[in-house]
Amino acid sequence: MLRRLDDNWRNGTNCFDLPGEKLLGLFSCHQLIGVGGLNQDPFMTNCRAGRVRHLYLGQCYRGMGLGTLLLQEIIQDAVIHFALINTHAPHAAYSFYERLGFHCLADQDISTHRLQLIAATK
């Protein structure tokens, strides 16, 4: 996942530079321990749909609530620009997303979970 993030950044495929997009890093002692991004969802024609991308936390930092903090920051920013956000999560992360209010999308291949946002203003 991180290799794909790096490759996409370097070749310009995804630089998180469209309106509403951002890439966050989580650091401990100047070392990157986690990342998470927010993109316009490229799989939906709805321009008010965002997508959580490349959410990753180093193995030894999991279970401390840091992933939750990272995703909550992404959600907080998403509310400003998007009406909903989707993600395609690995099965092991389903409960993580569901605890934060995402609903499982059993009938879709491209997205596994969606969070309906209430306060989108644009």
PDB file of N, CA and C in Angstrom:
ATOM      1  N   MET A   1       0.811  -1.188   0.000  1.00  0.00           N
ATOM      2  CA  MET A   1       0.000   0.000   0.000  1.00  0.00           C
ATOM      3  C   MET A   1       0.860   1.261   0.000  1.00  0.00           C
ATOM      4  N   LEU A   2       1.870   1.299   0.825  1.00  0.00           N
ATOM      5  CA  LEU A   2       2.725   2.487   0.871  1.00  0.00           C
ATOM      6  C   LEU A   2       3.543   2.651  -0.396  1.00  0.00           C
ATOM      7  N   ARG A   3       3.933   1.549  -0.986  1.00  0.00           N
ATOM      8  CA  ARG A   3       4.675   1.624  -2.250  1.00  0.00           C
ATOM      9  C   ARG A   3       3.791   2.226  -3.341  1.00  0.00           C
ATOM     10  N   ARG A   4       2.518   1.799  -3.382  1.00  0.00           N
ATOM     11  CA  ARG A   4       1.598   2.340  -4.383  1.00  0.00           C
ATOM     12  C   ARG A   4       1.367   3.831  -4.135  1.00  0.00           C
ATOM     13  N   LEU A   5       1.225   4.221  -2.883  1.00  0.00           N
ATOM     14  CA  LEU A   5       1.078   5.633  -2.536  1.00  0.00           C
ATOM     15  C   LEU A   5       2.279   6.428  -3.045  1.00  0.00           C
ATOM     16  N   ASP A   6       3.478   5.949  -2.766  1.00  0.00           N
ATOM     17  CA  ASP A   6       4.700   6.620  -3.206  1.00  0.00           C
ATOM     18  C   ASP A   6       4.787   6.673  -4.729  1.00  0.00           C
ATOM     19  N   ASP A   7       4.514   5.556  -5.389  1.00  0.00           N
ATOM     20  CA  ASP A   7       4.556   5.519  -6.856  1.00  0.00           C
ATOM     21  C   ASP A   7       3.567   6.512  -7.458  1.00  0.00           C
ATOM     22  N   ASN A   8       2.327   6.509  -6.951  1.00  0.00           N
ATOM     23  CA  ASN A   8       1.299   7.405  -7.484  1.00  0.00           C
ATOM     24  C   ASN A   8       1.651   8.872  -7.251  1.00  0.00           C
ATOM     25  N   TRP A   9       2.280   9.158  -6.120  1.00  0.00           N
ATOM     26  CA  TRP A   9       2.695  10.535  -5.828  1.00  0.00           C
ATOM     27  C   TRP A   9       3.796  10.965  -6.804  1.00  0.00           C
ATOM     28  N   ARG A  10       4.797  10.118  -6.959  1.00  0.00           N
ATOM     29  CA  ARG A  10       5.946  10.465  -7.808  1.00  0.00           C
ATOM     30  C   ARG A  10       5.585  10.599  -9.285  1.00  0.00           C
ATOM     31  N   ASN A  11       4.662   9.736  -9.768  1.00  0.00           N
ATOM     32  CA  ASN A  11       4.324   9.813 -11.192  1.00  0.00           C
ATOM     33  C   ASN A  11       3.161  10.769 -11.474  1.00  0.00           C
ATOM     34  N   GLY A  12       2.636  11.389 -10.416  1.00  0.00           N
ATOM     35  CA  GLY A  12       1.593  12.389 -10.591  1.00  0.00           C
ATOM     36  C   GLY A  12       0.190  11.838 -10.709  1.00  0.00           C
ATOM     37  N   THR A  13       0.024  10.534 -10.583  1.00  0.00           N
ATOM     38  CA  THR A  13      -1.304   9.927 -10.677  1.00  0.00           C
ATOM     39  C   THR A  13      -2.216  10.404  -9.557  1.00  0.00           C
ATOM     40  N   ASN A  14      -1.675  10.520  -8.358  1.00  0.00           N
ATOM     41  CA  ASN A  14      -2.463  10.977  -7.215  1.00  0.00           C
ATOM     42  C   ASN A  14      -1.569  11.795  -6.289  1.00  0.00           C
ATOM     43  N   CYS A  15      -1.729  13.108  -6.366  1.00  0.00           N
ATOM     44  CA  CYS A  15      -0.948  14.022  -5.521  1.00  0.00           C
ATOM     45  C   CYS A  15      -1.813  14.688  -4.451  1.00  0.00           C
ATOM     46  N   PHE A  16      -3.064  14.226  -4.302  1.00  0.00           N
ATOM     47  CA  PHE A  16      -3.966  14.773  -3.288  1.00  0.00           C
ATOM     48  C   PHE A  16      -4.051  16.292  -3.406  1.00  0.00           C
ATOM     49  N   ASP A  17      -4.193  16.774  -4.643  1.00  0.00           N
ATOM     50  CA  ASP A  17      -4.168  18.217  -4.871  1.00  0.00           C
ATOM     51  C   ASP A  17      -5.440  18.772  -5.509  1.00  0.00           C
ATOM     52  N   LEU A  18      -6.486  17.962  -5.591  1.00  0.00           N
ATOM     53  CA  LEU A  18      -7.761  18.456  -6.094  1.00  0.00           C
ATOM     54  C   LEU A  18      -8.546  19.070  -4.932  1.00  0.00           C
ATOM     55  N   PRO A  19      -9.559  19.882  -5.222  1.00  0.00           N
ATOM     56  CA  PRO A  19     -10.333  20.494  -4.134  1.00  0.00           C
ATOM     57  C   PRO A  19     -10.856  19.445  -3.144  1.00  0.00           C
ATOM     58  N   GLY A  20     -10.624  19.706  -1.870  1.00  0.00           N
ATOM     59  CA  GLY A  20     -11.081  18.812  -0.810  1.00  0.00           C
ATOM     60  C   GLY A  20     -10.134  17.679  -0.479  1.00  0.00           C
ATOM     61  N   GLU A  21      -9.074  17.515  -1.248  1.00  0.00           N
ATOM     62  CA  GLU A  21      -8.160  16.391  -1.028  1.00  0.00           C
ATOM     63  C   GLU A  21      -7.024  16.767  -0.085  1.00  0.00           C
ATOM     64  N   LYS A  22      -6.519  15.758   0.604  1.00  0.00           N
ATOM     65  CA  LYS A  22      -5.344  15.973   1.455  1.00  0.00           C
ATOM     66  C   LYS A  22      -4.724  14.636   1.799  1.00  0.00           C
ATOM     67  N   LEU A  23      -3.459  14.695   2.152  1.00  0.00           N
ATOM     68  CA  LEU A  23      -2.712  13.532   2.624  1.00  0.00           C
ATOM     69  C   LEU A  23      -2.117  13.901   3.975  1.00  0.00           C
ATOM     70  N   LEU A  24      -2.400  13.095   4.986  1.00  0.00           N
ATOM     71  CA  LEU A  24      -1.928  13.347   6.344  1.00  0.00           C
ATOM     72  C   LEU A  24      -0.870  12.335   6.730  1.00  0.00           C
ATOM     73  N   GLY A  25       0.080  12.779   7.517  1.00  0.00           N
ATOM     74  CA  GLY A  25       1.091  11.887   8.077  1.00  0.00           C
ATOM     75  C   GLY A  25       1.035  11.946   9.591  1.00  0.00           C
ATOM     76  N   LEU A  26       1.278  10.827  10.222  1.00  0.00           N
ATOM     77  CA  LEU A  26       1.330  10.741  11.678  1.00  0.00           C
ATOM     78  C   LEU A  26       2.758  10.385  12.053  1.00  0.00           C
ATOM     79  N   PHE A  27       3.358  11.201  12.913  1.00  0.00           N
ATOM     80  CA  PHE A  27       4.775  11.053  13.240  1.00  0.00           C
ATOM     81  C   PHE A  27       4.978  10.799  14.727  1.00  0.00           C
ATOM     82  N   SER A  28       6.022  10.039  15.035  1.00  0.00           N
ATOM     83  CA  SER A  28       6.486   9.839  16.405  1.00  0.00           C
ATOM     84  C   SER A  28       7.999  10.004  16.381  1.00  0.00           C
ATOM     85  N   CYS A  29       8.504  10.945  17.158  1.00  0.00           N
ATOM     86  CA  CYS A  29       9.956  11.217  17.193  1.00  0.00           C
ATOM     87  C   CYS A  29      10.521  11.415  15.789  1.00  0.00           C
ATOM     88  N   HIS A  30       9.842  12.203  14.985  1.00  0.00           N
ATOM     89  CA  HIS A  30      10.265  12.542  13.624  1.00  0.00           C
ATOM     90  C   HIS A  30      10.240  11.356  12.664  1.00  0.00           C
ATOM     91  N   GLN A  31       9.606  10.249  13.048  1.00  0.00           N
ATOM     92  CA  GLN A  31       9.490   9.077  12.171  1.00  0.00           C
ATOM     93  C   GLN A  31       8.031   8.924  11.751  1.00  0.00           C
ATOM     94  N   LEU A  32       7.809   8.738  10.450  1.00  0.00           N
ATOM     95  CA  LEU A  32       6.460   8.529   9.934  1.00  0.00           C
ATOM     96  C   LEU A  32       5.948   7.176  10.411  1.00  0.00           C
ATOM     97  N   ILE A  33       4.829   7.179  11.140  1.00  0.00           N
ATOM     98  CA  ILE A  33       4.267   5.923  11.646  1.00  0.00           C
ATOM     99  C   ILE A  33       2.902   5.614  11.057  1.00  0.00           C
ATOM    100  N   GLY A  34       2.297   6.600  10.384  1.00  0.00           N
ATOM    101  CA  GLY A  34       0.993   6.365   9.785  1.00  0.00           C
ATOM    102  C   GLY A  34       0.682   7.395   8.725  1.00  0.00           C
ATOM    103  N   VAL A  35      -0.202   7.027   7.808  1.00  0.00           N
ATOM    104  CA  VAL A  35      -0.652   7.929   6.750  1.00  0.00           C
ATOM    105  C   VAL A  35      -2.137   7.699   6.506  1.00  0.00           C
ATOM    106  N   GLY A  36      -2.745   8.683   5.926  1.00  0.00           N
ATOM    107  CA  GLY A  36      -4.132   8.559   5.506  1.00  0.00           C
ATOM    108  C   GLY A  36      -4.467   9.697   4.577  1.00  0.00           C
ATOM    109  N   GLY A  37      -5.219   9.392   3.547  1.00  0.00           N
ATOM    110  CA  GLY A  37      -5.550  10.407   2.566  1.00  0.00           C
ATOM    111  C   GLY A  37      -7.036  10.507   2.306  1.00  0.00           C
ATOM    112  N   LEU A  38      -7.408  11.631   1.723  1.00  0.00           N
ATOM    113  CA  LEU A  38      -8.778  11.895   1.311  1.00  0.00           C
ATOM    114  C   LEU A  38      -8.735  12.400  -0.119  1.00  0.00           C
ATOM    115  N   ASN A  39      -9.422  11.692  -0.989  1.00  0.00           N
ATOM    116  CA  ASN A  39      -9.523  12.075  -2.400  1.00  0.00           C
ATOM    117  C   ASN A  39     -10.971  12.316  -2.772  1.00  0.00           C
ATOM    118  N   GLN A  40     -11.177  13.022  -3.882  1.00  0.00           N
ATOM    119  CA  GLN A  40     -12.465  12.951  -4.548  1.00  0.00           C
ATOM    120  C   GLN A  40     -12.588  11.505  -5.010  1.00  0.00           C
ATOM    121  N   ASP A  41     -13.767  10.911  -4.846  1.00  0.00           N
ATOM    122  CA  ASP A  41     -13.916   9.501  -5.209  1.00  0.00           C
ATOM    123  C   ASP A  41     -13.921   9.363  -6.728  1.00  0.00           C
ATOM    124  N   PRO A  42     -12.883   8.740  -7.308  1.00  0.00           N
ATOM    125  CA  PRO A  42     -12.798   8.629  -8.762  1.00  0.00           C
ATOM    126  C   PRO A  42     -13.777   7.616  -9.348  1.00  0.00           C
ATOM    127  N   PHE A  43     -14.421   6.835  -8.509  1.00  0.00           N
ATOM    128  CA  PHE A  43     -15.323   5.790  -8.972  1.00  0.00           C
ATOM    129  C   PHE A  43     -16.781   6.225  -8.969  1.00  0.00           C
ATOM    130  N   MET A  44     -17.050   7.451  -8.549  1.00  0.00           N
ATOM    131  CA  MET A  44     -18.426   7.954  -8.513  1.00  0.00           C
ATOM    132  C   MET A  44     -18.521   9.224  -9.342  1.00  0.00           C
ATOM    133  N   THR A  45     -19.629   9.395 -10.020  1.00  0.00           N
ATOM    134  CA  THR A  45     -19.844  10.611 -10.804  1.00  0.00           C
ATOM    135  C   THR A  45     -20.284  11.769  -9.918  1.00  0.00           C
ATOM    136  N   ASN A  46     -20.686  11.461  -8.700  1.00  0.00           N
ATOM    137  CA  ASN A  46     -21.093  12.482  -7.737  1.00  0.00           C
ATOM    138  C   ASN A  46     -19.850  13.232  -7.268  1.00  0.00           C
ATOM    139  N   CYS A  47     -19.752  14.515  -7.604  1.00  0.00           N
ATOM    140  CA  CYS A  47     -18.556  15.278  -7.237  1.00  0.00           C
ATOM    141  C   CYS A  47     -18.495  15.574  -5.743  1.00  0.00           C
ATOM    142  N   ARG A  48     -19.541  15.264  -5.010  1.00  0.00           N
ATOM    143  CA  ARG A  48     -19.538  15.481  -3.560  1.00  0.00           C
ATOM    144  C   ARG A  48     -19.249  14.189  -2.817  1.00  0.00           C
ATOM    145  N   ALA A  49     -18.613  13.248  -3.488  1.00  0.00           N
ATOM    146  CA  ALA A  49     -18.222  11.983  -2.857  1.00  0.00           C
ATOM    147  C   ALA A  49     -16.711  11.972  -2.664  1.00  0.00           C
ATOM    148  N   GLY A  50     -16.290  11.724  -1.441  1.00  0.00           N
ATOM    149  CA  GLY A  50     -14.872  11.594  -1.131  1.00  0.00           C
ATOM    150  C   GLY A  50     -14.511  10.135  -0.936  1.00  0.00           C
ATOM    151  N   ARG A  51     -13.227   9.878  -0.824  1.00  0.00           N
ATOM    152  CA  ARG A  51     -12.758   8.503  -0.647  1.00  0.00           C
ATOM    153  C   ARG A  51     -11.536   8.501   0.267  1.00  0.00           C
ATOM    154  N   VAL A  52     -11.592   7.673   1.319  1.00  0.00           N
ATOM    155  CA  VAL A  52     -10.440   7.470   2.190  1.00  0.00           C
ATOM    156  C   VAL A  52      -9.446   6.615   1.422  1.00  0.00           C
ATOM    157  N   ARG A  53      -8.203   7.080   1.362  1.00  0.00           N
ATOM    158  CA  ARG A  53      -7.183   6.358   0.605  1.00  0.00           C
ATOM    159  C   ARG A  53      -5.944   6.134   1.458  1.00  0.00           C
ATOM    160  N   HIS A  54      -5.351   4.967   1.287  1.00  0.00           N
ATOM    161  CA  HIS A  54      -4.036   4.644   1.866  1.00  0.00           C
ATOM    162  C   HIS A  54      -3.969   4.851   3.380  1.00  0.00           C
ATOM    163  N   LEU A  55      -5.039   4.502   4.092  1.00  0.00           N
ATOM    164  CA  LEU A  55      -4.999   4.601   5.551  1.00  0.00           C
ATOM    165  C   LEU A  55      -4.152   3.451   6.076  1.00  0.00           C
ATOM    166  N   TYR A  56      -3.055   3.806   6.710  1.00  0.00           N
ATOM    167  CA  TYR A  56      -2.104   2.794   7.185  1.00  0.00           C
ATOM    168  C   TYR A  56      -1.441   3.287   8.461  1.00  0.00           C
ATOM    169  N   LEU A  57      -1.294   2.366   9.405  1.00  0.00           N
ATOM    170  CA  LEU A  57      -0.592   2.647  10.649  1.00  0.00           C
ATOM    171  C   LEU A  57       0.388   1.511  10.888  1.00  0.00           C
ATOM    172  N   GLY A  58       1.633   1.844  11.209  1.00  0.00           N
ATOM    173  CA  GLY A  58       2.645   0.830  11.480  1.00  0.00           C
ATOM    174  C   GLY A  58       2.146  -0.188  12.506  1.00  0.00           C
ATOM    175  N   GLN A  59       2.490  -1.430  12.290  1.00  0.00           N
ATOM    176  CA  GLN A  59       1.984  -2.539  13.103  1.00  0.00           C
ATOM    177  C   GLN A  59       2.151  -2.300  14.605  1.00  0.00           C
ATOM    178  N   CYS A  60       3.294  -1.841  15.044  1.00  0.00           N
ATOM    179  CA  CYS A  60       3.536  -1.687  16.486  1.00  0.00           C
ATOM    180  C   CYS A  60       2.795  -0.495  17.091  1.00  0.00           C
ATOM    181  N   TYR A  61       2.141   0.330  16.265  1.00  0.00           N
ATOM    182  CA  TYR A  61       1.386   1.474  16.771  1.00  0.00           C
ATOM    183  C   TYR A  61      -0.119   1.234  16.746  1.00  0.00           C
ATOM    184  N   ARG A  62      -0.544   0.061  16.326  1.00  0.00           N
ATOM    185  CA  ARG A  62      -1.969  -0.254  16.254  1.00  0.00           C
ATOM    186  C   ARG A  62      -2.512  -0.579  17.640  1.00  0.00           C
ATOM    187  N   GLY A  63      -3.798  -0.373  17.802  1.00  0.00           N
ATOM    188  CA  GLY A  63      -4.447  -0.666  19.074  1.00  0.00           C
ATOM    189  C   GLY A  63      -4.289   0.426  20.119  1.00  0.00           C
ATOM    190  N   MET A  64      -3.744   1.573  19.724  1.00  0.00           N
ATOM    191  CA  MET A  64      -3.533   2.689  20.658  1.00  0.00           C
ATOM    192  C   MET A  64      -4.503   3.843  20.406  1.00  0.00           C
ATOM    193  N   GLY A  65      -5.383   3.696  19.430  1.00  0.00           N
ATOM    194  CA  GLY A  65      -6.311   4.761  19.084  1.00  0.00           C
ATOM    195  C   GLY A  65      -5.773   5.749  18.066  1.00  0.00           C
ATOM    196  N   LEU A  66      -4.551   5.517  17.585  1.00  0.00           N
ATOM    197  CA  LEU A  66      -3.943   6.457  16.635  1.00  0.00           C
ATOM    198  C   LEU A  66      -4.610   6.401  15.266  1.00  0.00           C
ATOM    199  N   GLY A  67      -4.986   5.212  14.830  1.00  0.00           N
ATOM    200  CA  GLY A  67      -5.702   5.077  13.565  1.00  0.00           C
ATOM    201  C   GLY A  67      -7.047   5.781  13.622  1.00  0.00           C
ATOM    202  N   THR A  68      -7.701   5.677  14.763  1.00  0.00           N
ATOM    203  CA  THR A  68      -8.971   6.371  14.966  1.00  0.00           C
ATOM    204  C   THR A  68      -8.771   7.878  14.878  1.00  0.00           C
ATOM    205  N   LEU A  69      -7.742   8.394  15.524  1.00  0.00           N
ATOM    206  CA  LEU A  69      -7.460   9.834  15.452  1.00  0.00           C
ATOM    207  C   LEU A  69      -7.199  10.285  14.021  1.00  0.00           C
ATOM    208  N   LEU A  70      -6.451   9.493  13.285  1.00  0.00           N
ATOM    209  CA  LEU A  70      -6.138   9.822  11.898  1.00  0.00           C
ATOM    210  C   LEU A  70      -7.410   9.843  11.050  1.00  0.00           C
ATOM    211  N   LEU A  71      -8.247   8.815  11.196  1.00  0.00           N
ATOM    212  CA  LEU A  71      -9.479   8.765  10.411  1.00  0.00           C
ATOM    213  C   LEU A  71     -10.449   9.865  10.843  1.00  0.00           C
ATOM    214  N   GLN A  72     -10.523  10.172  12.115  1.00  0.00           N
ATOM    215  CA  GLN A  72     -11.391  11.259  12.572  1.00  0.00           C
ATOM    216  C   GLN A  72     -10.958  12.602  11.981  1.00  0.00           C
ATOM    217  N   GLU A  73      -9.670  12.815  11.845  1.00  0.00           N
ATOM    218  CA  GLU A  73      -9.175  14.047  11.217  1.00  0.00           C
ATOM    219  C   GLU A  73      -9.582  14.088   9.743  1.00  0.00           C
ATOM    220  N   ILE A  74      -9.494  12.956   9.070  1.00  0.00           N
ATOM    221  CA  ILE A  74      -9.919  12.878   7.668  1.00  0.00           C
ATOM    222  C   ILE A  74     -11.408  13.183   7.556  1.00  0.00           C
ATOM    223  N   ILE A  75     -12.215  12.595   8.438  1.00  0.00           N
ATOM    224  CA  ILE A  75     -13.662  12.816   8.417  1.00  0.00           C
ATOM    225  C   ILE A  75     -13.977  14.283   8.687  1.00  0.00           C
ATOM    226  N   GLN A  76     -13.314  14.874   9.651  1.00  0.00           N
ATOM    227  CA  GLN A  76     -13.548  16.281   9.993  1.00  0.00           C
ATOM    228  C   GLN A  76     -13.320  17.173   8.779  1.00  0.00           C
ATOM    229  N   ASP A  77     -12.283  16.911   8.024  1.00  0.00           N
ATOM    230  CA  ASP A  77     -12.016  17.692   6.816  1.00  0.00           C
ATOM    231  C   ASP A  77     -12.994  17.350   5.696  1.00  0.00           C
ATOM    232  N   ALA A  78     -13.405  16.108   5.608  1.00  0.00           N
ATOM    233  CA  ALA A  78     -14.310  15.672   4.545  1.00  0.00           C
ATOM    234  C   ALA A  78     -15.658  16.372   4.638  1.00  0.00           C
ATOM    235  N   VAL A  79     -16.124  16.638   5.849  1.00  0.00           N
ATOM    236  CA  VAL A  79     -17.428  17.274   6.048  1.00  0.00           C
ATOM    237  C   VAL A  79     -17.509  18.617   5.330  1.00  0.00           C
ATOM    238  N   ILE A  80     -16.405  19.299   5.205  1.00  0.00           N
ATOM    239  CA  ILE A  80     -16.378  20.614   4.562  1.00  0.00           C
ATOM    240  C   ILE A  80     -16.633  20.506   3.058  1.00  0.00           C
ATOM    241  N   HIS A  81     -16.168  19.431   2.438  1.00  0.00           N
ATOM    242  CA  HIS A  81     -16.172  19.336   0.975  1.00  0.00           C
ATOM    243  C   HIS A  81     -17.097  18.271   0.393  1.00  0.00           C
ATOM    244  N   PHE A  82     -17.438  17.279   1.168  1.00  0.00           N
ATOM    245  CA  PHE A  82     -18.140  16.121   0.620  1.00  0.00           C
ATOM    246  C   PHE A  82     -19.420  15.802   1.387  1.00  0.00           C
ATOM    247  N   ALA A  83     -20.360  15.164   0.700  1.00  0.00           N
ATOM    248  CA  ALA A  83     -21.604  14.708   1.324  1.00  0.00           C
ATOM    249  C   ALA A  83     -21.469  13.284   1.853  1.00  0.00           C
ATOM    250  N   LEU A  84     -20.516  12.546   1.310  1.00  0.00           N
ATOM    251  CA  LEU A  84     -20.277  11.175   1.759  1.00  0.00           C
ATOM    252  C   LEU A  84     -18.840  10.808   1.463  1.00  0.00           C
ATOM    253  N   ILE A  85     -18.341   9.806   2.183  1.00  0.00           N
ATOM    254  CA  ILE A  85     -17.020   9.263   1.866  1.00  0.00           C
ATOM    255  C   ILE A  85     -17.102   7.746   1.834  1.00  0.00           C
ATOM    256  N   ASN A  86     -16.400   7.187   0.885  1.00  0.00           N
ATOM    257  CA  ASN A  86     -16.318   5.743   0.687  1.00  0.00           C
ATOM    258  C   ASN A  86     -14.903   5.268   0.990  1.00  0.00           C
ATOM    259  N   THR A  87     -14.776   3.970   1.150  1.00  0.00           N
ATOM    260  CA  THR A  87     -13.460   3.357   1.244  1.00  0.00           C
ATOM    261  C   THR A  87     -13.556   1.922   0.761  1.00  0.00           C
ATOM    262  N   HIS A  88     -12.433   1.352   0.428  1.00  0.00           N
ATOM    263  CA  HIS A  88     -12.337  -0.075   0.115  1.00  0.00           C
ATOM    264  C   HIS A  88     -11.372  -0.665   1.129  1.00  0.00           C
ATOM    265  N   ALA A  89     -11.938  -1.228   2.183  1.00  0.00           N
ATOM    266  CA  ALA A  89     -11.141  -1.710   3.314  1.00  0.00           C
ATOM    267  C   ALA A  89     -10.878  -3.206   3.214  1.00  0.00           C
ATOM    268  N   PRO A  90      -9.732  -3.649   3.721  1.00  0.00           N
ATOM    269  CA  PRO A  90      -9.519  -5.093   3.847  1.00  0.00           C
ATOM    270  C   PRO A  90     -10.472  -5.634   4.915  1.00  0.00           C
ATOM    271  N   HIS A  91     -10.841  -6.891   4.787  1.00  0.00           N
ATOM    272  CA  HIS A  91     -11.813  -7.494   5.700  1.00  0.00           C
ATOM    273  C   HIS A  91     -11.413  -7.293   7.165  1.00  0.00           C
ATOM    274  N   ALA A  92     -10.137  -7.368   7.464  1.00  0.00           N
ATOM    275  CA  ALA A  92      -9.665  -7.215   8.847  1.00  0.00           C
ATOM    276  C   ALA A  92      -9.965  -5.824   9.416  1.00  0.00           C
ATOM    277  N   ALA A  93     -10.216  -4.839   8.555  1.00  0.00           N
ATOM    278  CA  ALA A  93     -10.473  -3.472   9.021  1.00  0.00           C
ATOM    279  C   ALA A  93     -11.960  -3.115   9.040  1.00  0.00           C
ATOM    280  N   TYR A  94     -12.831  -4.051   8.672  1.00  0.00           N
ATOM    281  CA  TYR A  94     -14.262  -3.742   8.632  1.00  0.00           C
ATOM    282  C   TYR A  94     -14.761  -3.191   9.961  1.00  0.00           C
ATOM    283  N   SER A  95     -14.448  -3.849  11.059  1.00  0.00           N
ATOM    284  CA  SER A  95     -14.977  -3.414  12.359  1.00  0.00           C
ATOM    285  C   SER A  95     -14.419  -2.041  12.744  1.00  0.00           C
ATOM    286  N   PHE A  96     -13.200  -1.746  12.352  1.00  0.00           N
ATOM    287  CA  PHE A  96     -12.604  -0.433  12.613  1.00  0.00           C
ATOM    288  C   PHE A  96     -13.460   0.664  11.981  1.00  0.00           C
ATOM    289  N   TYR A  97     -13.772   0.515  10.701  1.00  0.00           N
ATOM    290  CA  TYR A  97     -14.578   1.517  10.014  1.00  0.00           C
ATOM    291  C   TYR A  97     -15.993   1.568  10.580  1.00  0.00           C
ATOM    292  N   GLU A  98     -16.571   0.423  10.871  1.00  0.00           N
ATOM    293  CA  GLU A  98     -17.942   0.375  11.373  1.00  0.00           C
ATOM    294  C   GLU A  98     -18.058   1.024  12.752  1.00  0.00           C
ATOM    295  N   ARG A  99     -17.048   0.909  13.589  1.00  0.00           N
ATOM    296  CA  ARG A  99     -17.056   1.584  14.896  1.00  0.00           C
ATOM    297  C   ARG A  99     -17.080   3.104  14.747  1.00  0.00           C
ATOM    298  N   LEU A 100     -16.585   3.593  13.626  1.00  0.00           N
ATOM    299  CA  LEU A 100     -16.547   5.035  13.379  1.00  0.00           C
ATOM    300  C   LEU A 100     -17.716   5.518  12.524  1.00  0.00           C
ATOM    301  N   GLY A 101     -18.736   4.671  12.375  1.00  0.00           N
ATOM    302  CA  GLY A 101     -19.964   5.093  11.719  1.00  0.00           C
ATOM    303  C   GLY A 101     -20.109   4.724  10.260  1.00  0.00           C
ATOM    304  N   PHE A 102     -19.121   4.087   9.662  1.00  0.00           N
ATOM    305  CA  PHE A 102     -19.229   3.646   8.274  1.00  0.00           C
ATOM    306  C   PHE A 102     -20.179   2.455   8.193  1.00  0.00           C
ATOM    307  N   HIS A 103     -20.942   2.398   7.109  1.00  0.00           N
ATOM    308  CA  HIS A 103     -21.858   1.285   6.884  1.00  0.00           C
ATOM    309  C   HIS A 103     -21.304   0.389   5.783  1.00  0.00           C
ATOM    310  N   CYS A 104     -21.442  -0.903   5.971  1.00  0.00           N
ATOM    311  CA  CYS A 104     -20.961  -1.885   4.999  1.00  0.00           C
ATOM    312  C   CYS A 104     -21.804  -1.812   3.731  1.00  0.00           C
ATOM    313  N   LEU A 105     -21.153  -1.854   2.584  1.00  0.00           N
ATOM    314  CA  LEU A 105     -21.822  -1.859   1.280  1.00  0.00           C
ATOM    315  C   LEU A 105     -21.661  -3.246   0.673  1.00  0.00           C
ATOM    316  N   ALA A 106     -22.516  -4.146   1.037  1.00  0.00           N
ATOM    317  CA  ALA A 106     -22.380  -5.543   0.626  1.00  0.00           C
ATOM    318  C   ALA A 106     -22.562  -5.735  -0.877  1.00  0.00           C
ATOM    319  N   ASP A 107     -23.234  -4.811  -1.545  1.00  0.00           N
ATOM    320  CA  ASP A 107     -23.565  -4.998  -2.959  1.00  0.00           C
ATOM    321  C   ASP A 107     -22.600  -4.297  -3.915  1.00  0.00           C
ATOM    322  N   GLN A 108     -21.470  -3.805  -3.435  1.00  0.00           N
ATOM    323  CA  GLN A 108     -20.534  -3.092  -4.304  1.00  0.00           C
ATOM    324  C   GLN A 108     -19.155  -3.739  -4.281  1.00  0.00           C
ATOM    325  N   ASP A 109     -18.498  -3.721  -5.424  1.00  0.00           N
ATOM    326  CA  ASP A 109     -17.138  -4.253  -5.510  1.00  0.00           C
ATOM    327  C   ASP A 109     -16.080  -3.177  -5.265  1.00  0.00           C
ATOM    328  N   ILE A 110     -16.359  -1.970  -5.676  1.00  0.00           N
ATOM    329  CA  ILE A 110     -15.368  -0.900  -5.630  1.00  0.00           C
ATOM    330  C   ILE A 110     -15.224  -0.301  -4.232  1.00  0.00           C
ATOM    331  N   SER A 111     -16.295  -0.274  -3.473  1.00  0.00           N
ATOM    332  CA  SER A 111     -16.273   0.275  -2.115  1.00  0.00           C
ATOM    333  C   SER A 111     -16.848  -0.747  -1.151  1.00  0.00           C
ATOM    334  N   THR A 112     -16.227  -0.867   0.012  1.00  0.00           N
ATOM    335  CA  THR A 112     -16.754  -1.773   1.038  1.00  0.00           C
ATOM    336  C   THR A 112     -17.570  -1.028   2.079  1.00  0.00           C
ATOM    337  N   HIS A 113     -17.284   0.274   2.279  1.00  0.00           N
ATOM    338  CA  HIS A 113     -17.937   1.035   3.336  1.00  0.00           C
ATOM    339  C   HIS A 113     -18.200   2.477   2.902  1.00  0.00           C
ATOM    340  N   ARG A 114     -19.263   3.047   3.504  1.00  0.00           N
ATOM    341  CA  ARG A 114     -19.621   4.445   3.222  1.00  0.00           C
ATOM    342  C   ARG A 114     -20.014   5.130   4.523  1.00  0.00           C
ATOM    343  N   LEU A 115     -19.614   6.394   4.623  1.00  0.00           N
ATOM    344  CA  LEU A 115     -20.039   7.245   5.729  1.00  0.00           C
ATOM    345  C   LEU A 115     -20.786   8.421   5.131  1.00  0.00           C
ATOM    346  N   GLN A 116     -22.057   8.559   5.494  1.00  0.00           N
ATOM    347  CA  GLN A 116     -22.858   9.697   5.051  1.00  0.00           C
ATOM    348  C   GLN A 116     -22.496  10.876   5.945  1.00  0.00           C
ATOM    349  N   LEU A 117     -22.118  11.976   5.347  1.00  0.00           N
ATOM    350  CA  LEU A 117     -21.721  13.167   6.102  1.00  0.00           C
ATOM    351  C   LEU A 117     -22.886  14.139   6.160  1.00  0.00           C
ATOM    352  N   ILE A 118     -23.049  14.778   7.280  1.00  0.00           N
ATOM    353  CA  ILE A 118     -24.225  15.611   7.506  1.00  0.00           C
ATOM    354  C   ILE A 118     -23.993  17.067   7.136  1.00  0.00           C
ATOM    355  N   ALA A 119     -22.843  17.604   7.455  1.00  0.00           N
ATOM    356  CA  ALA A 119     -22.655  19.049   7.390  1.00  0.00           C
ATOM    357  C   ALA A 119     -21.933  19.546   6.148  1.00  0.00           C
ATOM    358  N   ALA A 120     -21.962  18.802   5.045  1.00  0.00           N
ATOM    359  CA  ALA A 120     -21.282  19.275   3.830  1.00  0.00           C
ATOM    360  C   ALA A 120     -21.883  20.615   3.415  1.00  0.00           C
ATOM    361  N   THR A 121     -21.042  21.601   3.166  1.00  0.00           N
ATOM    362  CA  THR A 121     -21.510  22.960   2.904  1.00  0.00           C
ATOM    363  C   THR A 121     -21.325  23.406   1.465  1.00  0.00           C
ATOM    364  N   LYS A 122     -20.623  22.669   0.668  1.00  0.00           N
ATOM    365  CA  LYS A 122     -20.373  23.112  -0.715  1.00  0.00           C
ATOM    366  C   LYS A 122     -21.332  22.440  -1.653  1.00  0.00           C
TER     367      LYS A 122
END
